[in-house]
Amino acid sequence: MLLSKTSEYALQALIYLAAQPAGEPVLSRDISDFLRVPAQYLAKILQDLAKRGVLDSFKGRGGGFILRPGAEQMNILDIVEVVEGQPFGQGCVLGLKACADETACPMHYHWKPLKTDVMGLLAQQTIGSMAEAVRAGRYRIHLPGGEDLSVRPMTSRHPVS
């Protein structure tokens, strides 16, 4: 809704990674398969998050992505700003180039208090708290096709004995 597809995919992938067992790298292909998002697009997002210090990336056998220590404390606004490269919420809700108190668009004064509330909500929600809610079954991300984001075994990487 308010976020770009890139930010949405990044957040979903980070919540998924945070909900997995700590320290076990997860392949981008496994994440994209589960989230049902384009594999190459998600791989680029994950690589960018690794370059920006949110994830660690490991190549080769046993490779994949894991959250860097402390990344679970990042909130939605932090992630969106890392992904988008600019502060979230600075633009006009109607997409106009200049929108501020001095040059208000028709929606400016209606949107401004709502935007403040939305920004506050996004700042309160951390990757770790959302992942904990997923693990506890209190929170689900509904995916295309009706499946819910939840912890699942990585069967393609770890055969069952």
N, C-alpha and C. Protein backbone atom coordinates (compact mmCIF):
# COMPACT_ATOMS: atom_id res chain seq x y z
N MET A 1 0.83 -1.19 0.00
CA MET A 1 0.00 0.00 0.00
C MET A 1 0.87 1.25 0.00
N LEU A 2 1.54 1.53 1.10
CA LEU A 2 2.39 2.70 1.18
C LEU A 2 3.83 2.40 0.81
N LEU A 3 4.19 1.12 0.82
CA LEU A 3 5.58 0.74 0.59
C LEU A 3 5.76 0.23 -0.83
N SER A 4 6.97 0.38 -1.34
CA SER A 4 7.29 -0.17 -2.65
C SER A 4 7.35 -1.70 -2.55
N LYS A 5 7.23 -2.37 -3.69
CA LYS A 5 7.36 -3.84 -3.72
C LYS A 5 8.73 -4.26 -3.17
N THR A 6 9.76 -3.49 -3.48
CA THR A 6 11.09 -3.81 -3.00
C THR A 6 11.12 -3.81 -1.47
N SER A 7 10.53 -2.78 -0.86
CA SER A 7 10.49 -2.71 0.60
C SER A 7 9.62 -3.82 1.18
N GLU A 8 8.49 -4.11 0.55
CA GLU A 8 7.64 -5.20 1.03
C GLU A 8 8.38 -6.52 1.01
N TYR A 9 9.05 -6.83 -0.10
CA TYR A 9 9.79 -8.09 -0.21
C TYR A 9 10.93 -8.14 0.80
N ALA A 10 11.63 -7.03 0.98
CA ALA A 10 12.73 -6.98 1.94
C ALA A 10 12.21 -7.27 3.35
N LEU A 11 11.12 -6.63 3.73
CA LEU A 11 10.56 -6.85 5.07
C LEU A 11 10.09 -8.28 5.26
N GLN A 12 9.40 -8.83 4.27
CA GLN A 12 8.93 -10.21 4.38
C GLN A 12 10.12 -11.17 4.50
N ALA A 13 11.15 -10.95 3.70
CA ALA A 13 12.33 -11.82 3.76
C ALA A 13 13.04 -11.70 5.10
N LEU A 14 13.16 -10.49 5.63
CA LEU A 14 13.84 -10.30 6.91
C LEU A 14 13.05 -10.92 8.05
N ILE A 15 11.74 -10.80 8.03
CA ILE A 15 10.92 -11.45 9.06
C ILE A 15 11.08 -12.96 8.95
N TYR A 16 11.06 -13.47 7.74
CA TYR A 16 11.25 -14.90 7.52
C TYR A 16 12.60 -15.36 8.07
N LEU A 17 13.66 -14.63 7.72
CA LEU A 17 15.00 -15.00 8.21
C LEU A 17 15.07 -14.95 9.73
N ALA A 18 14.47 -13.92 10.32
CA ALA A 18 14.51 -13.77 11.77
C ALA A 18 13.71 -14.86 12.48
N ALA A 19 12.73 -15.43 11.80
CA ALA A 19 11.90 -16.49 12.38
C ALA A 19 12.56 -17.87 12.28
N GLN A 20 13.62 -17.98 11.51
CA GLN A 20 14.32 -19.25 11.34
C GLN A 20 15.32 -19.47 12.48
N PRO A 21 15.79 -20.70 12.67
CA PRO A 21 16.80 -20.94 13.71
C PRO A 21 18.03 -20.04 13.52
N ALA A 22 18.49 -19.47 14.60
CA ALA A 22 19.62 -18.52 14.56
C ALA A 22 20.88 -19.18 14.02
N GLY A 23 21.61 -18.41 13.22
CA GLY A 23 22.92 -18.83 12.73
C GLY A 23 22.90 -19.79 11.57
N GLU A 24 21.74 -20.18 11.07
CA GLU A 24 21.67 -21.09 9.93
C GLU A 24 21.40 -20.30 8.66
N PRO A 25 22.38 -20.23 7.75
CA PRO A 25 22.15 -19.49 6.51
C PRO A 25 21.00 -20.10 5.70
N VAL A 26 20.24 -19.24 5.06
CA VAL A 26 19.10 -19.66 4.24
C VAL A 26 19.34 -19.17 2.83
N LEU A 27 19.16 -20.05 1.86
CA LEU A 27 19.34 -19.68 0.46
C LEU A 27 18.26 -18.71 0.01
N SER A 28 18.65 -17.76 -0.82
CA SER A 28 17.66 -16.80 -1.35
C SER A 28 16.59 -17.54 -2.14
N ARG A 29 16.96 -18.62 -2.80
CA ARG A 29 16.00 -19.42 -3.57
C ARG A 29 14.92 -20.01 -2.65
N ASP A 30 15.32 -20.48 -1.45
CA ASP A 30 14.35 -21.02 -0.51
C ASP A 30 13.39 -19.94 -0.02
N ILE A 31 13.94 -18.75 0.21
CA ILE A 31 13.10 -17.64 0.67
C ILE A 31 12.13 -17.23 -0.44
N SER A 32 12.64 -17.09 -1.66
CA SER A 32 11.77 -16.66 -2.77
C SER A 32 10.72 -17.71 -3.07
N ASP A 33 11.07 -19.00 -2.96
CA ASP A 33 10.08 -20.05 -3.17
C ASP A 33 8.97 -19.96 -2.14
N PHE A 34 9.33 -19.77 -0.89
CA PHE A 34 8.34 -19.72 0.16
C PHE A 34 7.47 -18.46 0.08
N LEU A 35 8.10 -17.32 -0.19
CA LEU A 35 7.35 -16.06 -0.26
C LEU A 35 6.63 -15.89 -1.60
N ARG A 36 7.00 -16.75 -2.56
CA ARG A 36 6.43 -16.67 -3.90
C ARG A 36 6.69 -15.31 -4.54
N VAL A 37 7.95 -14.93 -4.50
CA VAL A 37 8.38 -13.69 -5.15
C VAL A 37 9.46 -14.05 -6.17
N PRO A 38 9.68 -13.20 -7.17
CA PRO A 38 10.69 -13.51 -8.19
C PRO A 38 12.08 -13.71 -7.57
N ALA A 39 12.69 -14.85 -7.89
CA ALA A 39 13.96 -15.25 -7.27
C ALA A 39 15.09 -14.24 -7.53
N GLN A 40 15.25 -13.81 -8.77
CA GLN A 40 16.35 -12.89 -9.08
C GLN A 40 16.14 -11.53 -8.42
N TYR A 41 14.90 -11.08 -8.37
CA TYR A 41 14.57 -9.80 -7.73
C TYR A 41 14.88 -9.87 -6.24
N LEU A 42 14.46 -10.95 -5.58
CA LEU A 42 14.72 -11.09 -4.16
C LEU A 42 16.22 -11.25 -3.89
N ALA A 43 16.92 -11.99 -4.74
CA ALA A 43 18.36 -12.16 -4.56
C ALA A 43 19.07 -10.81 -4.59
N LYS A 44 18.66 -9.94 -5.50
CA LYS A 44 19.26 -8.60 -5.58
C LYS A 44 18.95 -7.81 -4.30
N ILE A 45 17.72 -7.89 -3.82
CA ILE A 45 17.34 -7.20 -2.59
C ILE A 45 18.19 -7.70 -1.42
N LEU A 46 18.34 -9.01 -1.31
CA LEU A 46 19.12 -9.58 -0.21
C LEU A 46 20.60 -9.20 -0.32
N GLN A 47 21.13 -9.18 -1.53
CA GLN A 47 22.52 -8.76 -1.73
C GLN A 47 22.70 -7.30 -1.32
N ASP A 48 21.73 -6.45 -1.67
CA ASP A 48 21.79 -5.04 -1.28
C ASP A 48 21.73 -4.90 0.25
N LEU A 49 20.88 -5.69 0.89
CA LEU A 49 20.80 -5.65 2.36
C LEU A 49 22.10 -6.12 2.99
N ALA A 50 22.77 -7.06 2.36
CA ALA A 50 24.08 -7.51 2.86
C ALA A 50 25.12 -6.40 2.70
N LYS A 51 25.12 -5.73 1.55
CA LYS A 51 26.06 -4.63 1.32
C LYS A 51 25.84 -3.49 2.31
N ARG A 52 24.59 -3.31 2.73
CA ARG A 52 24.25 -2.20 3.64
C ARG A 52 24.30 -2.61 5.11
N GLY A 53 24.79 -3.81 5.39
CA GLY A 53 25.04 -4.20 6.77
C GLY A 53 23.89 -4.80 7.54
N VAL A 54 22.83 -5.19 6.86
CA VAL A 54 21.68 -5.80 7.54
C VAL A 54 21.83 -7.31 7.60
N LEU A 55 22.39 -7.89 6.55
CA LEU A 55 22.56 -9.34 6.45
C LEU A 55 24.02 -9.70 6.27
N ASP A 56 24.34 -10.93 6.62
CA ASP A 56 25.62 -11.53 6.23
C ASP A 56 25.31 -12.52 5.13
N SER A 57 26.21 -12.59 4.16
CA SER A 57 26.04 -13.47 3.01
C SER A 57 27.21 -14.43 2.96
N PHE A 58 26.90 -15.71 2.75
CA PHE A 58 27.92 -16.74 2.67
C PHE A 58 27.76 -17.47 1.35
N LYS A 59 28.87 -17.62 0.61
CA LYS A 59 28.85 -18.31 -0.67
C LYS A 59 29.25 -19.77 -0.48
N GLY A 60 28.91 -20.56 -1.49
CA GLY A 60 29.33 -21.95 -1.51
C GLY A 60 28.42 -22.85 -0.70
N ARG A 61 28.91 -24.09 -0.52
CA ARG A 61 28.14 -25.09 0.22
C ARG A 61 27.89 -24.59 1.64
N GLY A 62 26.66 -24.68 2.07
CA GLY A 62 26.29 -24.18 3.40
C GLY A 62 26.10 -22.69 3.43
N GLY A 63 26.09 -22.07 2.24
CA GLY A 63 25.95 -20.63 2.16
C GLY A 63 24.52 -20.16 2.24
N GLY A 64 24.35 -18.88 2.13
CA GLY A 64 23.03 -18.27 2.18
C GLY A 64 23.10 -16.95 2.92
N PHE A 65 21.99 -16.56 3.49
CA PHE A 65 21.88 -15.29 4.19
C PHE A 65 21.44 -15.51 5.63
N ILE A 66 22.01 -14.72 6.54
CA ILE A 66 21.55 -14.67 7.92
C ILE A 66 21.52 -13.20 8.34
N LEU A 67 20.71 -12.91 9.35
CA LEU A 67 20.67 -11.55 9.89
C LEU A 67 21.98 -11.27 10.60
N ARG A 68 22.49 -10.07 10.44
CA ARG A 68 23.65 -9.65 11.22
C ARG A 68 23.22 -9.42 12.66
N PRO A 69 24.13 -9.60 13.60
CA PRO A 69 23.78 -9.32 15.00
C PRO A 69 23.24 -7.89 15.14
N GLY A 70 22.12 -7.77 15.83
CA GLY A 70 21.49 -6.48 16.04
C GLY A 70 20.46 -6.10 15.00
N ALA A 71 20.46 -6.79 13.84
CA ALA A 71 19.52 -6.44 12.78
C ALA A 71 18.07 -6.68 13.20
N GLU A 72 17.86 -7.63 14.11
CA GLU A 72 16.50 -7.90 14.55
C GLU A 72 15.90 -6.72 15.33
N GLN A 73 16.76 -5.79 15.77
CA GLN A 73 16.28 -4.60 16.48
C GLN A 73 15.90 -3.46 15.53
N MET A 74 16.17 -3.64 14.25
CA MET A 74 15.79 -2.61 13.28
C MET A 74 14.28 -2.60 13.12
N ASN A 75 13.72 -1.41 12.97
CA ASN A 75 12.28 -1.32 12.79
C ASN A 75 11.94 -1.17 11.31
N ILE A 76 10.65 -1.16 11.01
CA ILE A 76 10.20 -1.08 9.62
C ILE A 76 10.74 0.18 8.94
N LEU A 77 10.70 1.31 9.63
CA LEU A 77 11.22 2.54 9.03
C LEU A 77 12.71 2.41 8.70
N ASP A 78 13.48 1.83 9.64
CA ASP A 78 14.91 1.62 9.38
C ASP A 78 15.12 0.84 8.09
N ILE A 79 14.38 -0.26 7.95
CA ILE A 79 14.55 -1.13 6.78
C ILE A 79 14.14 -0.40 5.51
N VAL A 80 13.02 0.27 5.53
CA VAL A 80 12.56 0.98 4.33
C VAL A 80 13.58 2.04 3.92
N GLU A 81 14.15 2.73 4.88
CA GLU A 81 15.15 3.75 4.54
C GLU A 81 16.42 3.13 4.00
N VAL A 82 16.81 1.96 4.51
CA VAL A 82 17.97 1.25 3.96
C VAL A 82 17.68 0.84 2.52
N VAL A 83 16.51 0.27 2.30
CA VAL A 83 16.15 -0.25 0.98
C VAL A 83 15.96 0.89 -0.03
N GLU A 84 15.24 1.91 0.36
CA GLU A 84 14.90 2.99 -0.57
C GLU A 84 16.01 4.03 -0.69
N GLY A 85 16.90 4.09 0.30
CA GLY A 85 18.00 5.04 0.25
C GLY A 85 17.60 6.46 0.57
N GLN A 86 16.42 6.66 1.12
CA GLN A 86 15.97 8.01 1.49
C GLN A 86 14.97 7.89 2.63
N PRO A 87 14.75 8.97 3.35
CA PRO A 87 13.78 8.92 4.45
C PRO A 87 12.37 8.62 3.93
N PHE A 88 11.70 7.74 4.63
CA PHE A 88 10.33 7.36 4.27
C PHE A 88 9.36 8.47 4.67
N GLY A 89 8.36 8.69 3.85
CA GLY A 89 7.30 9.62 4.21
C GLY A 89 7.57 11.07 3.88
N GLN A 90 8.64 11.34 3.16
CA GLN A 90 8.97 12.73 2.84
C GLN A 90 8.18 13.26 1.65
N GLY A 91 7.68 12.37 0.81
CA GLY A 91 7.00 12.81 -0.40
C GLY A 91 5.54 13.17 -0.16
N CYS A 92 4.95 13.70 -1.17
CA CYS A 92 3.54 14.09 -1.16
C CYS A 92 2.67 12.85 -1.36
N VAL A 93 1.58 12.75 -0.63
CA VAL A 93 0.67 11.61 -0.76
C VAL A 93 0.05 11.55 -2.16
N LEU A 94 -0.05 12.67 -2.84
CA LEU A 94 -0.57 12.71 -4.20
C LEU A 94 0.53 12.63 -5.25
N GLY A 95 1.78 12.58 -4.81
CA GLY A 95 2.89 12.47 -5.73
C GLY A 95 3.36 13.78 -6.33
N LEU A 96 2.90 14.91 -5.77
CA LEU A 96 3.34 16.21 -6.28
C LEU A 96 4.78 16.48 -5.87
N LYS A 97 5.48 17.27 -6.66
CA LYS A 97 6.89 17.55 -6.39
C LYS A 97 7.10 18.38 -5.15
N ALA A 98 6.28 19.39 -4.94
CA ALA A 98 6.43 20.27 -3.78
C ALA A 98 5.18 20.19 -2.92
N CYS A 99 5.34 19.69 -1.71
CA CYS A 99 4.21 19.61 -0.80
C CYS A 99 4.74 19.78 0.62
N ALA A 100 4.45 20.88 1.21
CA ALA A 100 4.85 21.19 2.58
C ALA A 100 3.80 22.15 3.13
N ASP A 101 3.95 22.55 4.36
CA ASP A 101 2.98 23.48 4.94
C ASP A 101 2.85 24.74 4.09
N GLU A 102 3.97 25.18 3.52
CA GLU A 102 3.97 26.40 2.72
C GLU A 102 3.36 26.20 1.34
N THR A 103 3.48 24.98 0.80
CA THR A 103 2.98 24.68 -0.55
C THR A 103 2.10 23.44 -0.49
N ALA A 104 1.08 23.47 0.33
CA ALA A 104 0.27 22.29 0.61
C ALA A 104 -0.58 21.86 -0.58
N CYS A 105 -0.62 20.53 -0.77
CA CYS A 105 -1.53 19.96 -1.75
C CYS A 105 -2.92 19.86 -1.10
N PRO A 106 -3.94 19.51 -1.86
CA PRO A 106 -5.29 19.43 -1.29
C PRO A 106 -5.43 18.41 -0.14
N MET A 107 -4.55 17.42 -0.07
CA MET A 107 -4.64 16.38 0.96
C MET A 107 -3.69 16.62 2.14
N HIS A 108 -2.80 17.58 2.02
CA HIS A 108 -1.70 17.77 2.97
C HIS A 108 -2.15 17.80 4.43
N TYR A 109 -3.07 18.66 4.77
CA TYR A 109 -3.46 18.83 6.17
C TYR A 109 -4.31 17.67 6.69
N HIS A 110 -4.93 16.93 5.80
CA HIS A 110 -5.66 15.73 6.20
C HIS A 110 -4.69 14.56 6.42
N TRP A 111 -3.68 14.47 5.55
CA TRP A 111 -2.74 13.37 5.59
C TRP A 111 -1.68 13.54 6.68
N LYS A 112 -1.30 14.75 6.98
CA LYS A 112 -0.19 15.01 7.90
C LYS A 112 -0.36 14.31 9.27
N PRO A 113 -1.51 14.42 9.96
CA PRO A 113 -1.63 13.72 11.24
C PRO A 113 -1.67 12.20 11.08
N LEU A 114 -2.27 11.73 10.00
CA LEU A 114 -2.29 10.29 9.75
C LEU A 114 -0.88 9.77 9.49
N LYS A 115 -0.11 10.54 8.71
CA LYS A 115 1.26 10.15 8.42
C LYS A 115 2.09 10.07 9.70
N THR A 116 1.88 11.00 10.60
CA THR A 116 2.59 10.98 11.89
C THR A 116 2.26 9.69 12.65
N ASP A 117 1.00 9.32 12.66
CA ASP A 117 0.59 8.08 13.34
C ASP A 117 1.19 6.85 12.66
N VAL A 118 1.15 6.81 11.33
CA VAL A 118 1.70 5.68 10.59
C VAL A 118 3.20 5.56 10.83
N MET A 119 3.90 6.67 10.79
CA MET A 119 5.35 6.66 11.01
C MET A 119 5.67 6.15 12.42
N GLY A 120 4.88 6.56 13.40
CA GLY A 120 5.08 6.08 14.76
C GLY A 120 4.87 4.58 14.87
N LEU A 121 3.83 4.08 14.23
CA LEU A 121 3.56 2.64 14.23
C LEU A 121 4.69 1.87 13.58
N LEU A 122 5.15 2.33 12.43
CA LEU A 122 6.24 1.65 11.71
C LEU A 122 7.54 1.67 12.52
N ALA A 123 7.75 2.72 13.29
CA ALA A 123 8.96 2.83 14.11
C ALA A 123 8.91 1.91 15.32
N GLN A 124 7.73 1.50 15.73
CA GLN A 124 7.60 0.63 16.91
C GLN A 124 7.79 -0.84 16.59
N GLN A 125 7.60 -1.23 15.35
CA GLN A 125 7.62 -2.64 14.97
C GLN A 125 9.02 -3.06 14.51
N THR A 126 9.69 -3.90 15.30
CA THR A 126 11.02 -4.37 14.91
C THR A 126 10.92 -5.70 14.18
N ILE A 127 11.95 -6.00 13.43
CA ILE A 127 12.03 -7.29 12.74
C ILE A 127 11.95 -8.42 13.76
N GLY A 128 12.67 -8.28 14.85
CA GLY A 128 12.68 -9.32 15.88
C GLY A 128 11.32 -9.52 16.53
N SER A 129 10.61 -8.43 16.84
CA SER A 129 9.30 -8.58 17.48
C SER A 129 8.29 -9.22 16.52
N MET A 130 8.38 -8.88 15.24
CA MET A 130 7.48 -9.49 14.27
C MET A 130 7.81 -10.97 14.08
N ALA A 131 9.10 -11.31 14.05
CA ALA A 131 9.50 -12.71 13.92
C ALA A 131 9.07 -13.51 15.14
N GLU A 132 9.19 -12.94 16.32
CA GLU A 132 8.76 -13.62 17.54
C GLU A 132 7.26 -13.89 17.49
N ALA A 133 6.49 -12.94 17.00
CA ALA A 133 5.05 -13.13 16.87
C ALA A 133 4.73 -14.25 15.87
N VAL A 134 5.53 -14.35 14.80
CA VAL A 134 5.35 -15.44 13.83
C VAL A 134 5.65 -16.78 14.51
N ARG A 135 6.77 -16.85 15.23
CA ARG A 135 7.14 -18.10 15.91
C ARG A 135 6.09 -18.52 16.93
N ALA A 136 5.48 -17.55 17.60
CA ALA A 136 4.49 -17.84 18.64
C ALA A 136 3.10 -18.09 18.05
N GLY A 137 2.94 -17.89 16.75
CA GLY A 137 1.65 -18.11 16.12
C GLY A 137 0.67 -16.96 16.31
N ARG A 138 1.14 -15.82 16.79
CA ARG A 138 0.26 -14.67 17.01
C ARG A 138 0.15 -13.78 15.78
N TYR A 139 0.98 -14.01 14.80
CA TYR A 139 1.07 -13.11 13.66
C TYR A 139 1.36 -13.94 12.43
N ARG A 140 0.72 -13.63 11.35
CA ARG A 140 0.96 -14.33 10.10
C ARG A 140 1.04 -13.33 8.96
N ILE A 141 1.88 -13.63 8.03
CA ILE A 141 1.92 -12.86 6.79
C ILE A 141 1.22 -13.72 5.76
N HIS A 142 0.10 -13.26 5.24
CA HIS A 142 -0.65 -14.01 4.24
C HIS A 142 -0.01 -13.78 2.88
N LEU A 143 0.32 -14.87 2.24
CA LEU A 143 1.03 -14.82 0.97
C LEU A 143 0.08 -15.15 -0.18
N PRO A 144 0.49 -14.83 -1.41
CA PRO A 144 -0.33 -15.19 -2.56
C PRO A 144 -0.61 -16.70 -2.54
N GLY A 145 -1.80 -17.08 -2.87
CA GLY A 145 -2.16 -18.48 -2.88
C GLY A 145 -2.71 -18.97 -1.55
N GLY A 146 -2.81 -18.09 -0.56
CA GLY A 146 -3.44 -18.45 0.70
C GLY A 146 -2.52 -19.01 1.76
N GLU A 147 -1.23 -19.23 1.46
CA GLU A 147 -0.30 -19.76 2.46
C GLU A 147 0.10 -18.65 3.41
N ASP A 148 0.44 -19.01 4.64
CA ASP A 148 0.88 -18.05 5.64
C ASP A 148 2.37 -18.19 5.88
N LEU A 149 3.03 -17.07 6.16
CA LEU A 149 4.44 -17.09 6.54
C LEU A 149 4.52 -17.65 7.94
N SER A 150 5.29 -18.71 8.08
CA SER A 150 5.52 -19.30 9.39
C SER A 150 6.85 -20.03 9.31
N VAL A 151 7.31 -20.50 10.44
CA VAL A 151 8.57 -21.22 10.46
C VAL A 151 8.34 -22.56 9.79
N ARG A 152 9.22 -22.94 8.93
CA ARG A 152 9.13 -24.24 8.28
C ARG A 152 10.53 -24.79 8.12
N PRO A 153 10.68 -26.09 8.08
CA PRO A 153 12.00 -26.65 7.89
C PRO A 153 12.53 -26.38 6.50
N MET A 154 13.82 -26.22 6.40
CA MET A 154 14.46 -25.98 5.11
C MET A 154 14.84 -27.33 4.51
N THR A 155 13.86 -28.08 4.04
CA THR A 155 14.08 -29.44 3.58
C THR A 155 15.02 -29.55 2.40
N SER A 156 15.10 -28.51 1.59
CA SER A 156 15.97 -28.60 0.41
C SER A 156 17.45 -28.52 0.80
N ARG A 157 17.74 -28.10 2.03
CA ARG A 157 19.13 -27.95 2.45
C ARG A 157 19.53 -28.97 3.50
N HIS A 158 18.58 -29.42 4.29
CA HIS A 158 18.91 -30.30 5.40
C HIS A 158 18.06 -31.56 5.32
N PRO A 159 18.58 -32.65 4.71
CA PRO A 159 17.78 -33.85 4.59
C PRO A 159 17.43 -34.41 5.97
N VAL A 160 16.25 -34.97 6.05
CA VAL A 160 15.81 -35.60 7.31
C VAL A 160 16.48 -36.94 7.44
N SER A 161 17.04 -37.23 8.60
CA SER A 161 17.71 -38.52 8.82
C SER A 161 16.75 -39.54 9.34
